[in-house]
All heavy atoms as atom14 arrays in JSON, in Angstrom:
{
  "sequence": "STAYTIREALKKCPELLVIPPHYDDYIYYTTKIKDIYREYTDQVESF",
  "atom14_mask": [
    [1, 1, 1, 1, 1, 1, 0, 0, 0, 0, 0, 0, 0, 0],
    [1, 1, 1, 1, 1, 1, 1, 0, 0, 0, 0, 0, 0, 0],
    [1, 1, 1, 1, 1, 0, 0, 0, 0, 0, 0, 0, 0, 0],
    [1, 1, 1, 1, 1, 1, 1, 1, 1, 1, 1, 1, 0, 0],
    [1, 1, 1, 1, 1, 1, 1, 0, 0, 0, 0, 0, 0, 0],
    [1, 1, 1, 1, 1, 1, 1, 1, 0, 0, 0, 0, 0, 0],
    [1, 1, 1, 1, 1, 1, 1, 1, 1, 1, 1, 0, 0, 0],
    [1, 1, 1, 1, 1, 1, 1, 1, 1, 0, 0, 0, 0, 0],
    [1, 1, 1, 1, 1, 0, 0, 0, 0, 0, 0, 0, 0, 0],
    [1, 1, 1, 1, 1, 1, 1, 1, 0, 0, 0, 0, 0, 0],
    [1, 1, 1, 1, 1, 1, 1, 1, 1, 0, 0, 0, 0, 0],
    [1, 1, 1, 1, 1, 1, 1, 1, 1, 0, 0, 0, 0, 0],
    [1, 1, 1, 1, 1, 1, 0, 0, 0, 0, 0, 0, 0, 0],
    [1, 1, 1, 1, 1, 1, 1, 0, 0, 0, 0, 0, 0, 0],
    [1, 1, 1, 1, 1, 1, 1, 1, 1, 0, 0, 0, 0, 0],
    [1, 1, 1, 1, 1, 1, 1, 1, 0, 0, 0, 0, 0, 0],
    [1, 1, 1, 1, 1, 1, 1, 1, 0, 0, 0, 0, 0, 0],
    [1, 1, 1, 1, 1, 1, 1, 0, 0, 0, 0, 0, 0, 0],
    [1, 1, 1, 1, 1, 1, 1, 1, 0, 0, 0, 0, 0, 0],
    [1, 1, 1, 1, 1, 1, 1, 0, 0, 0, 0, 0, 0, 0],
    [1, 1, 1, 1, 1, 1, 1, 0, 0, 0, 0, 0, 0, 0],
    [1, 1, 1, 1, 1, 1, 1, 1, 1, 1, 0, 0, 0, 0],
    [1, 1, 1, 1, 1, 1, 1, 1, 1, 1, 1, 1, 0, 0],
    [1, 1, 1, 1, 1, 1, 1, 1, 0, 0, 0, 0, 0, 0],
    [1, 1, 1, 1, 1, 1, 1, 1, 0, 0, 0, 0, 0, 0],
    [1, 1, 1, 1, 1, 1, 1, 1, 1, 1, 1, 1, 0, 0],
    [1, 1, 1, 1, 1, 1, 1, 1, 0, 0, 0, 0, 0, 0],
    [1, 1, 1, 1, 1, 1, 1, 1, 1, 1, 1, 1, 0, 0],
    [1, 1, 1, 1, 1, 1, 1, 1, 1, 1, 1, 1, 0, 0],
    [1, 1, 1, 1, 1, 1, 1, 0, 0, 0, 0, 0, 0, 0],
    [1, 1, 1, 1, 1, 1, 1, 0, 0, 0, 0, 0, 0, 0],
    [1, 1, 1, 1, 1, 1, 1, 1, 1, 0, 0, 0, 0, 0],
    [1, 1, 1, 1, 1, 1, 1, 1, 0, 0, 0, 0, 0, 0],
    [1, 1, 1, 1, 1, 1, 1, 1, 1, 0, 0, 0, 0, 0],
    [1, 1, 1, 1, 1, 1, 1, 1, 0, 0, 0, 0, 0, 0],
    [1, 1, 1, 1, 1, 1, 1, 1, 0, 0, 0, 0, 0, 0],
    [1, 1, 1, 1, 1, 1, 1, 1, 1, 1, 1, 1, 0, 0],
    [1, 1, 1, 1, 1, 1, 1, 1, 1, 1, 1, 0, 0, 0],
    [1, 1, 1, 1, 1, 1, 1, 1, 1, 0, 0, 0, 0, 0],
    [1, 1, 1, 1, 1, 1, 1, 1, 1, 1, 1, 1, 0, 0],
    [1, 1, 1, 1, 1, 1, 1, 0, 0, 0, 0, 0, 0, 0],
    [1, 1, 1, 1, 1, 1, 1, 1, 0, 0, 0, 0, 0, 0],
    [1, 1, 1, 1, 1, 1, 1, 1, 1, 0, 0, 0, 0, 0],
    [1, 1, 1, 1, 1, 1, 1, 0, 0, 0, 0, 0, 0, 0],
    [1, 1, 1, 1, 1, 1, 1, 1, 1, 0, 0, 0, 0, 0],
    [1, 1, 1, 1, 1, 1, 0, 0, 0, 0, 0, 0, 0, 0],
    [1, 1, 1, 1, 1, 1, 1, 1, 1, 1, 1, 0, 0, 0]
  ],
  "atom14_positions": [
    [[149.88, 126.41, 67.84], [150.11, 126.08, 69.24], [149.23, 126.93, 70.15], [148.8, 128.03, 69.76], [151.58, 126.31, 69.63], [152.43, 125.46, 68.9], [0.0, 0.0, 0.0], [0.0, 0.0, 0.0], [0.0, 0.0, 0.0], [0.0, 0.0, 0.0], [0.0, 0.0, 0.0], [0.0, 0.0, 0.0], [0.0, 0.0, 0.0], [0.0, 0.0, 0.0]],
    [[148.98, 126.42, 71.34], [148.28, 127.18, 72.34], [149.05, 128.47, 72.64], [150.28, 128.47, 72.67], [148.13, 126.35, 73.63], [147.42, 125.15, 73.32], [147.36, 127.12, 74.68], [0.0, 0.0, 0.0], [0.0, 0.0, 0.0], [0.0, 0.0, 0.0], [0.0, 0.0, 0.0], [0.0, 0.0, 0.0], [0.0, 0.0, 0.0], [0.0, 0.0, 0.0]],
    [[148.32, 129.56, 72.84], [148.85, 130.9, 73.13], [149.26, 131.67, 71.87], [149.68, 132.81, 71.95], [150.0, 130.87, 74.11], [0.0, 0.0, 0.0], [0.0, 0.0, 0.0], [0.0, 0.0, 0.0], [0.0, 0.0, 0.0], [0.0, 0.0, 0.0], [0.0, 0.0, 0.0], [0.0, 0.0, 0.0], [0.0, 0.0, 0.0], [0.0, 0.0, 0.0]],
    [[149.14, 131.05, 70.66], [149.28, 131.83, 69.44], [148.2, 132.9, 69.42], [147.09, 132.7, 69.9], [149.08, 130.92, 68.21], [150.33, 130.33, 67.64], [151.4, 130.0, 68.43], [150.43, 130.09, 66.27], [152.55, 129.43, 67.89], [151.56, 129.52, 65.71], [152.63, 129.2, 66.53], [153.75, 128.64, 66.0], [0.0, 0.0, 0.0], [0.0, 0.0, 0.0]],
    [[148.51, 134.04, 68.85], [147.45, 135.01, 68.61], [146.58, 134.5, 67.46], [147.01, 133.66, 66.65], [148.02, 136.39, 68.23], [148.7, 136.29, 66.97], [148.99, 136.89, 69.3], [0.0, 0.0, 0.0], [0.0, 0.0, 0.0], [0.0, 0.0, 0.0], [0.0, 0.0, 0.0], [0.0, 0.0, 0.0], [0.0, 0.0, 0.0], [0.0, 0.0, 0.0]],
    [[145.35, 135.02, 67.39], [144.46, 134.61, 66.31], [145.08, 134.95, 64.95], [145.01, 134.18, 63.99], [143.08, 135.29, 66.45], [142.44, 134.91, 67.8], [142.16, 134.92, 65.3], [142.15, 133.45, 67.95], [0.0, 0.0, 0.0], [0.0, 0.0, 0.0], [0.0, 0.0, 0.0], [0.0, 0.0, 0.0], [0.0, 0.0, 0.0], [0.0, 0.0, 0.0]],
    [[145.73, 136.11, 64.87], [146.39, 136.5, 63.62], [147.43, 135.47, 63.2], [147.5, 135.07, 62.03], [147.05, 137.88, 63.78], [146.08, 139.06, 63.8], [146.86, 140.37, 63.74], [145.99, 141.54, 63.7], [145.61, 142.21, 64.75], [146.03, 141.84, 65.96], [144.83, 143.27, 64.65], [0.0, 0.0, 0.0], [0.0, 0.0, 0.0], [0.0, 0.0, 0.0]],
    [[148.28, 135.06, 64.15], [149.34, 134.1, 63.84], [148.74, 132.76, 63.39], [149.23, 132.14, 62.44], [150.22, 133.89, 65.07], [151.07, 135.1, 65.44], [151.74, 134.96, 66.79], [151.21, 134.21, 67.64], [152.78, 135.6, 67.0], [0.0, 0.0, 0.0], [0.0, 0.0, 0.0], [0.0, 0.0, 0.0], [0.0, 0.0, 0.0], [0.0, 0.0, 0.0]],
    [[147.69, 132.32, 64.07], [147.07, 131.05, 63.75], [146.45, 131.07, 62.36], [146.58, 130.11, 61.58], [146.02, 130.68, 64.8], [0.0, 0.0, 0.0], [0.0, 0.0, 0.0], [0.0, 0.0, 0.0], [0.0, 0.0, 0.0], [0.0, 0.0, 0.0], [0.0, 0.0, 0.0], [0.0, 0.0, 0.0], [0.0, 0.0, 0.0], [0.0, 0.0, 0.0]],
    [[145.75, 132.16, 62.01], [145.1, 132.25, 60.71], [146.11, 132.38, 59.57], [145.83, 131.99, 58.44], [144.12, 133.42, 60.69], [142.87, 133.23, 61.57], [142.06, 134.51, 61.64], [142.01, 132.09, 61.02], [0.0, 0.0, 0.0], [0.0, 0.0, 0.0], [0.0, 0.0, 0.0], [0.0, 0.0, 0.0], [0.0, 0.0, 0.0], [0.0, 0.0, 0.0]],
    [[147.29, 132.9, 59.84], [148.34, 132.93, 58.82], [148.79, 131.51, 58.48], [149.06, 131.2, 57.32], [149.53, 133.76, 59.3], [149.3, 135.27, 59.25], [150.54, 136.01, 59.73], [150.32, 137.52, 59.7], [151.51, 138.25, 60.22], [0.0, 0.0, 0.0], [0.0, 0.0, 0.0], [0.0, 0.0, 0.0], [0.0, 0.0, 0.0], [0.0, 0.0, 0.0]],
    [[148.87, 130.65, 59.48], [149.3, 129.28, 59.26], [148.19, 128.43, 58.65], [148.46, 127.5, 57.91], [149.78, 128.66, 60.57], [151.08, 129.26, 61.09], [151.79, 128.26, 62.01], [153.23, 128.72, 62.26], [154.03, 127.66, 62.89], [0.0, 0.0, 0.0], [0.0, 0.0, 0.0], [0.0, 0.0, 0.0], [0.0, 0.0, 0.0], [0.0, 0.0, 0.0]],
    [[146.95, 128.76, 59.01], [145.82, 127.97, 58.52], [144.64, 128.91, 58.29], [143.81, 129.12, 59.19], [145.46, 126.89, 59.53], [144.04, 125.87, 59.05], [0.0, 0.0, 0.0], [0.0, 0.0, 0.0], [0.0, 0.0, 0.0], [0.0, 0.0, 0.0], [0.0, 0.0, 0.0], [0.0, 0.0, 0.0], [0.0, 0.0, 0.0], [0.0, 0.0, 0.0]],
    [[144.54, 129.49, 57.08], [143.46, 130.45, 56.8], [142.06, 129.88, 56.98], [141.13, 130.63, 57.27], [143.72, 130.84, 55.34], [145.17, 130.56, 55.11], [145.48, 129.36, 55.94], [0.0, 0.0, 0.0], [0.0, 0.0, 0.0], [0.0, 0.0, 0.0], [0.0, 0.0, 0.0], [0.0, 0.0, 0.0], [0.0, 0.0, 0.0], [0.0, 0.0, 0.0]],
    [[141.91, 128.57, 56.82], [140.58, 127.97, 56.97], [140.29, 127.54, 58.4], [139.28, 126.88, 58.68], [140.43, 126.77, 56.04], [141.37, 125.61, 56.32], [142.67, 125.7, 55.52], [143.14, 126.83, 55.26], [143.21, 124.63, 55.18], [0.0, 0.0, 0.0], [0.0, 0.0, 0.0], [0.0, 0.0, 0.0], [0.0, 0.0, 0.0], [0.0, 0.0, 0.0]],
    [[141.16, 127.91, 59.35], [140.96, 127.55, 60.74], [139.62, 128.08, 61.26], [139.29, 129.26, 61.09], [142.11, 128.12, 61.6], [142.04, 127.82, 63.1], [142.29, 126.35, 63.37], [143.04, 128.69, 63.86], [0.0, 0.0, 0.0], [0.0, 0.0, 0.0], [0.0, 0.0, 0.0], [0.0, 0.0, 0.0], [0.0, 0.0, 0.0], [0.0, 0.0, 0.0]],
    [[138.84, 127.22, 61.88], [137.58, 127.61, 62.5], [137.86, 127.97, 63.96], [138.28, 127.1, 64.73], [136.55, 126.49, 62.42], [135.23, 126.7, 63.13], [134.5, 127.91, 62.56], [134.36, 125.46, 63.08], [0.0, 0.0, 0.0], [0.0, 0.0, 0.0], [0.0, 0.0, 0.0], [0.0, 0.0, 0.0], [0.0, 0.0, 0.0], [0.0, 0.0, 0.0]],
    [[137.67, 129.22, 64.32], [137.91, 129.68, 65.69], [136.55, 129.87, 66.37], [135.74, 130.67, 65.89], [138.71, 130.99, 65.72], [138.99, 131.4, 67.16], [140.03, 130.83, 64.96], [0.0, 0.0, 0.0], [0.0, 0.0, 0.0], [0.0, 0.0, 0.0], [0.0, 0.0, 0.0], [0.0, 0.0, 0.0], [0.0, 0.0, 0.0], [0.0, 0.0, 0.0]],
    [[136.32, 129.15, 67.44], [135.04, 129.27, 68.14], [135.28, 129.86, 69.53], [136.35, 129.63, 70.14], [134.32, 127.9, 68.25], [135.16, 126.9, 69.03], [134.0, 127.35, 66.87], [134.48, 125.59, 69.24], [0.0, 0.0, 0.0], [0.0, 0.0, 0.0], [0.0, 0.0, 0.0], [0.0, 0.0, 0.0], [0.0, 0.0, 0.0], [0.0, 0.0, 0.0]],
    [[134.35, 130.62, 70.04], [134.53, 131.24, 71.36], [134.44, 130.19, 72.46], [133.79, 129.15, 72.3], [133.36, 132.23, 71.44], [132.31, 131.65, 70.54], [133.06, 130.99, 69.42], [0.0, 0.0, 0.0], [0.0, 0.0, 0.0], [0.0, 0.0, 0.0], [0.0, 0.0, 0.0], [0.0, 0.0, 0.0], [0.0, 0.0, 0.0], [0.0, 0.0, 0.0]],
    [[135.11, 130.44, 73.59], [135.05, 129.48, 74.69], [133.7, 129.46, 75.36], [133.01, 130.48, 75.44], [136.14, 129.99, 75.64], [136.28, 131.44, 75.33], [135.98, 131.6, 73.87], [0.0, 0.0, 0.0], [0.0, 0.0, 0.0], [0.0, 0.0, 0.0], [0.0, 0.0, 0.0], [0.0, 0.0, 0.0], [0.0, 0.0, 0.0], [0.0, 0.0, 0.0]],
    [[133.31, 128.29, 75.84], [132.06, 128.12, 76.57], [132.41, 127.56, 77.95], [132.37, 126.35, 78.18], [131.1, 127.18, 75.82], [130.76, 127.66, 74.45], [131.41, 127.22, 73.31], [129.85, 128.59, 74.03], [130.9, 127.84, 72.25], [129.96, 128.66, 72.66], [0.0, 0.0, 0.0], [0.0, 0.0, 0.0], [0.0, 0.0, 0.0], [0.0, 0.0, 0.0]],
    [[132.77, 128.46, 78.86], [133.34, 128.04, 80.13], [132.36, 127.27, 81.0], [132.77, 126.4, 81.76], [133.87, 129.27, 80.88], [135.05, 129.89, 80.18], [134.95, 131.15, 79.6], [136.26, 129.22, 80.07], [136.0, 131.72, 78.93], [137.32, 129.78, 79.4], [137.2, 131.04, 78.84], [138.25, 131.6, 78.17], [0.0, 0.0, 0.0], [0.0, 0.0, 0.0]],
    [[131.08, 127.56, 80.89], [130.1, 126.8, 81.68], [130.16, 125.33, 81.31], [130.08, 124.45, 82.21], [128.69, 127.34, 81.44], [128.48, 128.7, 82.08], [129.3, 129.08, 82.93], [127.5, 129.38, 81.73], [0.0, 0.0, 0.0], [0.0, 0.0, 0.0], [0.0, 0.0, 0.0], [0.0, 0.0, 0.0], [0.0, 0.0, 0.0], [0.0, 0.0, 0.0]],
    [[130.3, 125.02, 80.02], [130.42, 123.62, 79.6], [131.71, 123.01, 80.11], [131.73, 121.86, 80.59], [130.39, 123.53, 78.07], [129.02, 123.83, 77.48], [128.02, 123.65, 78.19], [128.96, 124.24, 76.3], [0.0, 0.0, 0.0], [0.0, 0.0, 0.0], [0.0, 0.0, 0.0], [0.0, 0.0, 0.0], [0.0, 0.0, 0.0], [0.0, 0.0, 0.0]],
    [[132.81, 123.75, 80.03], [134.1, 123.2, 80.44], [134.11, 122.91, 81.94], [134.62, 121.86, 82.38], [135.24, 124.16, 80.09], [135.24, 124.63, 78.65], [135.79, 125.86, 78.29], [134.68, 123.84, 77.63], [135.79, 126.29, 76.97], [134.66, 124.27, 76.32], [135.21, 125.5, 75.99], [135.19, 125.93, 74.69], [0.0, 0.0, 0.0], [0.0, 0.0, 0.0]],
    [[133.55, 123.82, 82.72], [133.5, 123.61, 84.16], [132.59, 122.43, 84.5], [132.92, 121.6, 85.35], [133.02, 124.9, 84.88], [134.08, 126.0, 84.74], [132.73, 124.63, 86.35], [133.6, 127.37, 85.2], [0.0, 0.0, 0.0], [0.0, 0.0, 0.0], [0.0, 0.0, 0.0], [0.0, 0.0, 0.0], [0.0, 0.0, 0.0], [0.0, 0.0, 0.0]],
    [[131.47, 122.34, 83.79], [130.52, 121.25, 84.05], [131.15, 119.88, 83.81], [131.08, 119.0, 84.68], [129.28, 121.43, 83.17], [128.29, 120.29, 83.27], [127.42, 120.2, 84.35], [128.21, 119.32, 82.28], [126.51, 119.16, 84.45], [127.31, 118.27, 82.37], [126.46, 118.2, 83.46], [125.57, 117.15, 83.56], [0.0, 0.0, 0.0], [0.0, 0.0, 0.0]],
    [[131.76, 119.7, 82.65], [132.28, 118.37, 82.32], [133.56, 118.04, 83.07], [133.78, 116.88, 83.45], [132.49, 118.26, 80.8], [131.2, 118.12, 80.05], [130.65, 119.19, 79.35], [130.46, 116.94, 80.09], [129.44, 119.09, 78.69], [129.25, 116.82, 79.44], [128.73, 117.89, 78.75], [127.53, 117.77, 78.11], [0.0, 0.0, 0.0], [0.0, 0.0, 0.0]],
    [[134.43, 119.01, 83.31], [135.62, 118.71, 84.1], [135.26, 118.39, 85.55], [135.92, 117.57, 86.2], [136.64, 119.86, 84.05], [136.02, 121.09, 84.49], [137.17, 120.06, 82.64], [0.0, 0.0, 0.0], [0.0, 0.0, 0.0], [0.0, 0.0, 0.0], [0.0, 0.0, 0.0], [0.0, 0.0, 0.0], [0.0, 0.0, 0.0], [0.0, 0.0, 0.0]],
    [[134.19, 119.03, 86.05], [133.73, 118.7, 87.4], [133.18, 117.28, 87.45], [133.43, 116.52, 88.41], [132.66, 119.7, 87.87], [133.23, 121.02, 87.89], [132.15, 119.35, 89.26], [0.0, 0.0, 0.0], [0.0, 0.0, 0.0], [0.0, 0.0, 0.0], [0.0, 0.0, 0.0], [0.0, 0.0, 0.0], [0.0, 0.0, 0.0], [0.0, 0.0, 0.0]],
    [[132.41, 116.88, 86.43], [131.89, 115.51, 86.39], [133.02, 114.49, 86.34], [132.94, 113.43, 86.96], [130.99, 115.33, 85.15], [129.61, 115.96, 85.29], [128.78, 115.78, 84.05], [128.36, 114.34, 83.81], [127.35, 113.9, 84.78], [0.0, 0.0, 0.0], [0.0, 0.0, 0.0], [0.0, 0.0, 0.0], [0.0, 0.0, 0.0], [0.0, 0.0, 0.0]],
    [[134.09, 114.8, 85.62], [135.23, 113.89, 85.55], [135.89, 113.76, 86.91], [136.2, 112.65, 87.38], [136.24, 114.37, 84.49], [135.64, 114.18, 83.08], [137.57, 113.65, 84.61], [136.44, 114.82, 81.97], [0.0, 0.0, 0.0], [0.0, 0.0, 0.0], [0.0, 0.0, 0.0], [0.0, 0.0, 0.0], [0.0, 0.0, 0.0], [0.0, 0.0, 0.0]],
    [[136.09, 114.89, 87.59], [136.72, 114.82, 88.91], [135.81, 114.17, 89.95], [136.29, 113.58, 90.92], [137.15, 116.23, 89.35], [138.34, 116.75, 88.53], [138.64, 118.2, 88.79], [139.72, 118.69, 87.83], [139.98, 120.12, 87.92], [0.0, 0.0, 0.0], [0.0, 0.0, 0.0], [0.0, 0.0, 0.0], [0.0, 0.0, 0.0], [0.0, 0.0, 0.0]],
    [[134.49, 114.25, 89.73], [133.57, 113.54, 90.61], [133.78, 112.03, 90.51], [133.61, 111.3, 91.5], [132.13, 113.9, 90.28], [131.74, 115.29, 90.77], [132.47, 115.83, 91.62], [130.73, 115.83, 90.28], [0.0, 0.0, 0.0], [0.0, 0.0, 0.0], [0.0, 0.0, 0.0], [0.0, 0.0, 0.0], [0.0, 0.0, 0.0], [0.0, 0.0, 0.0]],
    [[134.14, 111.56, 89.31], [134.46, 110.13, 89.15], [135.7, 109.79, 89.97], [135.75, 108.77, 90.68], [134.67, 109.77, 87.68], [133.34, 109.87, 86.9], [135.26, 108.36, 87.52], [133.45, 109.59, 85.42], [0.0, 0.0, 0.0], [0.0, 0.0, 0.0], [0.0, 0.0, 0.0], [0.0, 0.0, 0.0], [0.0, 0.0, 0.0], [0.0, 0.0, 0.0]],
    [[136.71, 110.64, 89.9], [137.93, 110.41, 90.7], [137.58, 110.31, 92.2], [138.11, 109.45, 92.93], [138.94, 111.53, 90.52], [139.38, 111.78, 89.09], [139.95, 113.01, 88.75], [139.26, 110.82, 88.1], [140.37, 113.27, 87.45], [139.67, 111.07, 86.8], [140.21, 112.3, 86.49], [140.63, 112.56, 85.2], [0.0, 0.0, 0.0], [0.0, 0.0, 0.0]],
    [[136.69, 111.19, 92.64], [136.36, 111.27, 94.07], [135.51, 110.1, 94.55], [135.3, 109.96, 95.76], [135.67, 112.6, 94.37], [136.58, 113.82, 94.15], [135.93, 115.11, 94.58], [136.81, 116.24, 94.35], [136.73, 117.07, 93.3], [135.77, 116.87, 92.38], [137.57, 118.06, 93.16], [0.0, 0.0, 0.0], [0.0, 0.0, 0.0], [0.0, 0.0, 0.0]],
    [[135.03, 109.27, 93.63], [134.34, 108.05, 94.04], [135.33, 107.04, 94.64], [134.93, 106.13, 95.36], [133.62, 107.42, 92.86], [132.41, 108.21, 92.36], [131.71, 107.5, 91.23], [131.75, 106.24, 91.2], [131.09, 108.17, 90.37], [0.0, 0.0, 0.0], [0.0, 0.0, 0.0], [0.0, 0.0, 0.0], [0.0, 0.0, 0.0], [0.0, 0.0, 0.0]],
    [[136.61, 107.2, 94.32], [137.62, 106.24, 94.76], [138.53, 106.77, 95.85], [139.18, 106.0, 96.55], [138.47, 105.81, 93.56], [137.64, 105.16, 92.47], [137.08, 105.91, 91.44], [137.38, 103.79, 92.49], [136.3, 105.34, 90.46], [136.61, 103.19, 91.5], [136.06, 103.97, 90.49], [135.29, 103.39, 89.52], [0.0, 0.0, 0.0], [0.0, 0.0, 0.0]],
    [[138.6, 108.1, 96.02], [139.43, 108.7, 97.06], [139.01, 110.16, 97.25], [138.51, 110.79, 96.32], [140.93, 108.65, 96.66], [141.7, 109.34, 97.67], [141.18, 109.31, 95.32], [0.0, 0.0, 0.0], [0.0, 0.0, 0.0], [0.0, 0.0, 0.0], [0.0, 0.0, 0.0], [0.0, 0.0, 0.0], [0.0, 0.0, 0.0], [0.0, 0.0, 0.0]],
    [[139.22, 110.63, 98.47], [138.97, 112.05, 98.72], [140.23, 112.88, 98.49], [140.21, 114.11, 98.63], [138.44, 112.28, 100.13], [139.42, 111.83, 101.21], [140.42, 111.17, 100.88], [139.16, 112.12, 102.4], [0.0, 0.0, 0.0], [0.0, 0.0, 0.0], [0.0, 0.0, 0.0], [0.0, 0.0, 0.0], [0.0, 0.0, 0.0], [0.0, 0.0, 0.0]],
    [[141.33, 112.22, 98.11], [142.59, 112.91, 97.87], [142.72, 113.24, 96.38], [143.41, 112.55, 95.62], [143.76, 112.05, 98.35], [143.73, 111.73, 99.83], [143.75, 112.98, 100.68], [144.69, 113.77, 100.62], [142.71, 113.19, 101.47], [0.0, 0.0, 0.0], [0.0, 0.0, 0.0], [0.0, 0.0, 0.0], [0.0, 0.0, 0.0], [0.0, 0.0, 0.0]],
    [[142.04, 114.29, 95.96], [142.06, 114.76, 94.57], [142.44, 116.25, 94.6], [141.75, 117.04, 95.21], [140.7, 114.57, 93.87], [140.75, 115.14, 92.45], [140.29, 113.1, 93.87], [0.0, 0.0, 0.0], [0.0, 0.0, 0.0], [0.0, 0.0, 0.0], [0.0, 0.0, 0.0], [0.0, 0.0, 0.0], [0.0, 0.0, 0.0], [0.0, 0.0, 0.0]],
    [[143.53, 116.58, 93.95], [144.02, 117.95, 93.93], [143.93, 118.5, 92.5], [144.64, 118.03, 91.6], [145.47, 118.02, 94.42], [146.08, 119.41, 94.37], [147.54, 119.43, 94.77], [148.01, 118.47, 95.42], [148.23, 120.42, 94.42], [0.0, 0.0, 0.0], [0.0, 0.0, 0.0], [0.0, 0.0, 0.0], [0.0, 0.0, 0.0], [0.0, 0.0, 0.0]],
    [[143.1, 119.48, 92.29], [142.97, 120.08, 90.96], [144.22, 120.87, 90.61], [144.85, 121.51, 91.46], [141.75, 121.0, 90.92], [140.56, 120.26, 91.04], [0.0, 0.0, 0.0], [0.0, 0.0, 0.0], [0.0, 0.0, 0.0], [0.0, 0.0, 0.0], [0.0, 0.0, 0.0], [0.0, 0.0, 0.0], [0.0, 0.0, 0.0], [0.0, 0.0, 0.0]],
    [[144.55, 120.83, 89.33], [145.64, 121.66, 88.79], [145.08, 122.33, 87.54], [145.35, 121.94, 86.41], [146.83, 120.75, 88.45], [148.13, 121.51, 88.19], [148.64, 122.37, 89.13], [148.83, 121.31, 87.02], [149.83, 123.04, 88.9], [150.01, 121.98, 86.78], [150.51, 122.85, 87.73], [0.0, 0.0, 0.0], [0.0, 0.0, 0.0], [0.0, 0.0, 0.0]]
  ]
}
């Protein structure tokens, strides 16, 4: 589950591949998605 420590996660699944976050990518693509929303309305509230 989200918020598990890495230790807890690897105990449940030793072969789990853990990759570091790439926030620039996440911000880029989530912004592009919200830009699609804004094509239809200016009332878009991020959460």
